[in-house]
Amino acid sequence: MNRRFELTETGADAHALRSEDQGGILFDLGLGLLQVDAFVRATDSAVASALRRHVGKPVFAAESAAMAVILDANPHRVFVSRAGRVEVFQPIPPPNGKSPQGRHTHVLPRLLAHGRTHPATEPLPSD
């Protein structure tokens, strides 16, 4: 994948699954993952403008308020891999809130810091 390490605007989402989302602007979160590129899609111009102020900085850096913008705006999350694309429309719960039923996302710095490609509880075959 692209292995970006800072928030990056990548342009209009021409491959959005729903036609009404195709004008949205994708921002790569810069998580540097091997298996997937993680994006948020801004369909509101004010949200896109707010995110643009943080482009070029890691989303979890102290000087970046990008995650605050994302948590406030609840944009769609888009994950793209070699195998396919997943779009998540569920709202992001507040810090003390409960995760919704069904598909949802967790972008947690303490888990991402491990650099794992899979859950630690998932054994990998030796072959």
C-alpha atoms as a PDB file:
ATOM      1  CA  MET A   1       0.000   0.000   0.000  1.00  0.00           C
ATOM      2  CA  ASN A   2       1.081   3.657   0.004  1.00  0.00           C
ATOM      3  CA  ARG A   3       2.532   3.621   3.569  1.00  0.00           C
ATOM      4  CA  ARG A   4       1.976   7.326   4.124  1.00  0.00           C
ATOM      5  CA  PHE A   5       2.843   8.596   7.604  1.00  0.00           C
ATOM      6  CA  GLU A   6       1.079  11.947   7.633  1.00  0.00           C
ATOM      7  CA  LEU A   7      -2.356  13.243   6.712  1.00  0.00           C
ATOM      8  CA  THR A   8      -2.482  13.506   2.920  1.00  0.00           C
ATOM      9  CA  GLU A   9      -5.229  14.829   0.661  1.00  0.00           C
ATOM     10  CA  THR A  10      -5.557  12.420  -2.263  1.00  0.00           C
ATOM     11  CA  GLY A  11      -8.412  14.068  -4.180  1.00  0.00           C
ATOM     12  CA  ALA A  12     -11.996  13.314  -5.118  1.00  0.00           C
ATOM     13  CA  ASP A  13     -13.269   9.824  -4.393  1.00  0.00           C
ATOM     14  CA  ALA A  14     -14.059   8.656  -7.915  1.00  0.00           C
ATOM     15  CA  HIS A  15     -14.450   5.053  -6.708  1.00  0.00           C
ATOM     16  CA  ALA A  16     -16.958   5.681  -3.902  1.00  0.00           C
ATOM     17  CA  LEU A  17     -19.433   2.830  -3.612  1.00  0.00           C
ATOM     18  CA  ARG A  18     -22.412   5.202  -3.617  1.00  0.00           C
ATOM     19  CA  SER A  19     -22.729   7.746  -6.418  1.00  0.00           C
ATOM     20  CA  GLU A  20     -23.671  10.522  -3.956  1.00  0.00           C
ATOM     21  CA  ASP A  21     -20.276  10.143  -2.250  1.00  0.00           C
ATOM     22  CA  GLN A  22     -18.163  10.425  -5.403  1.00  0.00           C
ATOM     23  CA  GLY A  23     -17.580  14.156  -4.998  1.00  0.00           C
ATOM     24  CA  GLY A  24     -16.161  13.706  -1.495  1.00  0.00           C
ATOM     25  CA  ILE A  25     -12.487  14.422  -0.859  1.00  0.00           C
ATOM     26  CA  LEU A  26     -10.330  11.585   0.470  1.00  0.00           C
ATOM     27  CA  PHE A  27      -7.719  12.194   3.145  1.00  0.00           C
ATOM     28  CA  ASP A  28      -5.271   9.378   3.854  1.00  0.00           C
ATOM     29  CA  LEU A  29      -4.856   9.199   7.625  1.00  0.00           C
ATOM     30  CA  GLY A  30      -1.176   8.353   7.211  1.00  0.00           C
ATOM     31  CA  LEU A  31      -1.219   5.310   9.453  1.00  0.00           C
ATOM     32  CA  GLY A  32       1.618   3.665   7.494  1.00  0.00           C
ATOM     33  CA  LEU A  33      -0.082   0.274   7.428  1.00  0.00           C
ATOM     34  CA  LEU A  34       1.219  -2.550   5.255  1.00  0.00           C
ATOM     35  CA  GLN A  35      -2.132  -4.090   4.367  1.00  0.00           C
ATOM     36  CA  VAL A  36      -4.512  -1.163   3.898  1.00  0.00           C
ATOM     37  CA  ASP A  37      -4.738   2.556   3.226  1.00  0.00           C
ATOM     38  CA  ALA A  38      -7.110   4.203   5.721  1.00  0.00           C
ATOM     39  CA  PHE A  39      -8.980   7.326   4.599  1.00  0.00           C
ATOM     40  CA  VAL A  40     -11.721   9.642   5.740  1.00  0.00           C
ATOM     41  CA  ARG A  41     -14.001  11.122   3.114  1.00  0.00           C
ATOM     42  CA  ALA A  42     -14.977  14.763   3.574  1.00  0.00           C
ATOM     43  CA  THR A  43     -18.209  15.631   1.780  1.00  0.00           C
ATOM     44  CA  ASP A  44     -18.573  18.962   3.585  1.00  0.00           C
ATOM     45  CA  SER A  45     -16.333  21.776   2.305  1.00  0.00           C
ATOM     46  CA  ALA A  46     -15.800  23.163   5.833  1.00  0.00           C
ATOM     47  CA  VAL A  47     -14.540  19.756   7.032  1.00  0.00           C
ATOM     48  CA  ALA A  48     -12.243  19.428   4.005  1.00  0.00           C
ATOM     49  CA  SER A  49     -10.895  22.921   4.687  1.00  0.00           C
ATOM     50  CA  ALA A  50     -10.305  22.110   8.360  1.00  0.00           C
ATOM     51  CA  LEU A  51      -8.456  18.901   7.462  1.00  0.00           C
ATOM     52  CA  ARG A  52      -6.320  20.708   4.887  1.00  0.00           C
ATOM     53  CA  ARG A  53      -4.848  22.780   7.726  1.00  0.00           C
ATOM     54  CA  HIS A  54      -3.315  19.567   9.099  1.00  0.00           C
ATOM     55  CA  VAL A  55      -2.052  17.973   5.881  1.00  0.00           C
ATOM     56  CA  GLY A  56       1.593  16.993   6.151  1.00  0.00           C
ATOM     57  CA  LYS A  57       1.427  16.220   9.895  1.00  0.00           C
ATOM     58  CA  PRO A  58       0.858  12.857  11.590  1.00  0.00           C
ATOM     59  CA  VAL A  59      -2.770  12.703  12.746  1.00  0.00           C
ATOM     60  CA  PHE A  60      -1.743  11.771  16.293  1.00  0.00           C
ATOM     61  CA  ALA A  61       0.956  14.462  16.622  1.00  0.00           C
ATOM     62  CA  ALA A  62       0.452  16.946  19.443  1.00  0.00           C
ATOM     63  CA  GLU A  63       0.461  19.855  16.977  1.00  0.00           C
ATOM     64  CA  SER A  64      -2.266  18.280  14.832  1.00  0.00           C
ATOM     65  CA  ALA A  65      -5.954  18.709  15.591  1.00  0.00           C
ATOM     66  CA  ALA A  66      -6.942  16.487  12.650  1.00  0.00           C
ATOM     67  CA  MET A  67      -8.408  13.766  14.880  1.00  0.00           C
ATOM     68  CA  ALA A  68     -10.516  16.359  16.699  1.00  0.00           C
ATOM     69  CA  VAL A  69     -11.878  17.506  13.321  1.00  0.00           C
ATOM     70  CA  ILE A  70     -12.592  13.890  12.362  1.00  0.00           C
ATOM     71  CA  LEU A  71     -14.285  13.013  15.660  1.00  0.00           C
ATOM     72  CA  ASP A  72     -16.448  16.128  15.440  1.00  0.00           C
ATOM     73  CA  ALA A  73     -17.393  15.681  11.766  1.00  0.00           C
ATOM     74  CA  ASN A  74     -17.990  11.910  11.708  1.00  0.00           C
ATOM     75  CA  PRO A  75     -16.858  11.474   8.091  1.00  0.00           C
ATOM     76  CA  HIS A  76     -17.160   8.150   6.334  1.00  0.00           C
ATOM     77  CA  ARG A  77     -14.122   5.932   6.761  1.00  0.00           C
ATOM     78  CA  VAL A  78     -12.763   4.246   3.649  1.00  0.00           C
ATOM     79  CA  PHE A  79     -10.283   1.370   3.694  1.00  0.00           C
ATOM     80  CA  VAL A  80      -8.619   0.279   0.477  1.00  0.00           C
ATOM     81  CA  SER A  81      -6.459  -2.835   0.092  1.00  0.00           C
ATOM     82  CA  ARG A  82      -5.327  -5.057  -2.735  1.00  0.00           C
ATOM     83  CA  ALA A  83      -8.299  -7.315  -1.954  1.00  0.00           C
ATOM     84  CA  GLY A  84     -10.985  -4.646  -2.060  1.00  0.00           C
ATOM     85  CA  ARG A  85     -12.588  -1.616  -0.496  1.00  0.00           C
ATOM     86  CA  VAL A  86     -14.661  -1.149   2.666  1.00  0.00           C
ATOM     87  CA  GLU A  87     -16.657   1.961   3.503  1.00  0.00           C
ATOM     88  CA  VAL A  88     -17.954   2.579   7.020  1.00  0.00           C
ATOM     89  CA  PHE A  89     -20.856   4.981   7.494  1.00  0.00           C
ATOM     90  CA  GLN A  90     -21.553   4.434  11.221  1.00  0.00           C
ATOM     91  CA  PRO A  91     -21.058   7.453  13.473  1.00  0.00           C
ATOM     92  CA  ILE A  92     -17.913   7.583  15.584  1.00  0.00           C
ATOM     93  CA  PRO A  93     -18.908   7.343  19.258  1.00  0.00           C
ATOM     94  CA  PRO A  94     -17.613   9.934  21.721  1.00  0.00           C
ATOM     95  CA  PRO A  95     -14.634   8.889  23.898  1.00  0.00           C
ATOM     96  CA  ASN A  96     -16.884   7.585  26.678  1.00  0.00           C
ATOM     97  CA  GLY A  97     -19.567   6.335  24.287  1.00  0.00           C
ATOM     98  CA  LYS A  98     -20.437   2.822  23.204  1.00  0.00           C
ATOM     99  CA  SER A  99     -19.412   1.454  19.807  1.00  0.00           C
ATOM    100  CA  PRO A 100     -22.412   0.933  17.533  1.00  0.00           C
ATOM    101  CA  GLN A 101     -23.631  -2.485  16.464  1.00  0.00           C
ATOM    102  CA  GLY A 102     -22.430  -3.630  13.054  1.00  0.00           C
ATOM    103  CA  ARG A 103     -19.470  -2.354  11.065  1.00  0.00           C
ATOM    104  CA  HIS A 104     -17.478   0.335  12.805  1.00  0.00           C
ATOM    105  CA  THR A 105     -13.888   1.437  13.148  1.00  0.00           C
ATOM    106  CA  HIS A 106     -11.288   1.839  15.854  1.00  0.00           C
ATOM    107  CA  VAL A 107      -8.243   3.953  15.066  1.00  0.00           C
ATOM    108  CA  LEU A 108      -6.408   3.729  18.366  1.00  0.00           C
ATOM    109  CA  PRO A 109      -2.821   4.989  18.604  1.00  0.00           C
ATOM    110  CA  ARG A 110      -1.887   2.540  21.374  1.00  0.00           C
ATOM    111  CA  LEU A 111      -2.866  -0.431  19.188  1.00  0.00           C
ATOM    112  CA  LEU A 112      -1.393   0.971  15.974  1.00  0.00           C
ATOM    113  CA  ALA A 113       1.943   1.615  17.734  1.00  0.00           C
ATOM    114  CA  HIS A 114       2.585  -2.148  17.803  1.00  0.00           C
ATOM    115  CA  GLY A 115       2.802  -2.244  14.007  1.00  0.00           C
ATOM    116  CA  ARG A 116       0.956  -5.562  13.828  1.00  0.00           C
ATOM    117  CA  THR A 117      -0.712  -6.740  10.649  1.00  0.00           C
ATOM    118  CA  HIS A 118      -3.238  -8.823  12.600  1.00  0.00           C
ATOM    119  CA  PRO A 119      -4.583  -9.144  16.150  1.00  0.00           C
ATOM    120  CA  ALA A 120      -2.031 -10.418  18.675  1.00  0.00           C
ATOM    121  CA  THR A 121      -4.541 -13.113  19.687  1.00  0.00           C
ATOM    122  CA  GLU A 122      -4.666 -14.514  16.130  1.00  0.00           C
ATOM    123  CA  PRO A 123      -2.075 -17.267  15.627  1.00  0.00           C
ATOM    124  CA  LEU A 124      -0.219 -17.366  12.322  1.00  0.00           C
ATOM    125  CA  PRO A 125       0.568 -20.679  10.644  1.00  0.00           C
ATOM    126  CA  SER A 126       4.254 -21.633  10.735  1.00  0.00           C
ATOM    127  CA  ASP A 127       4.281 -22.709   7.060  1.00  0.00           C
END
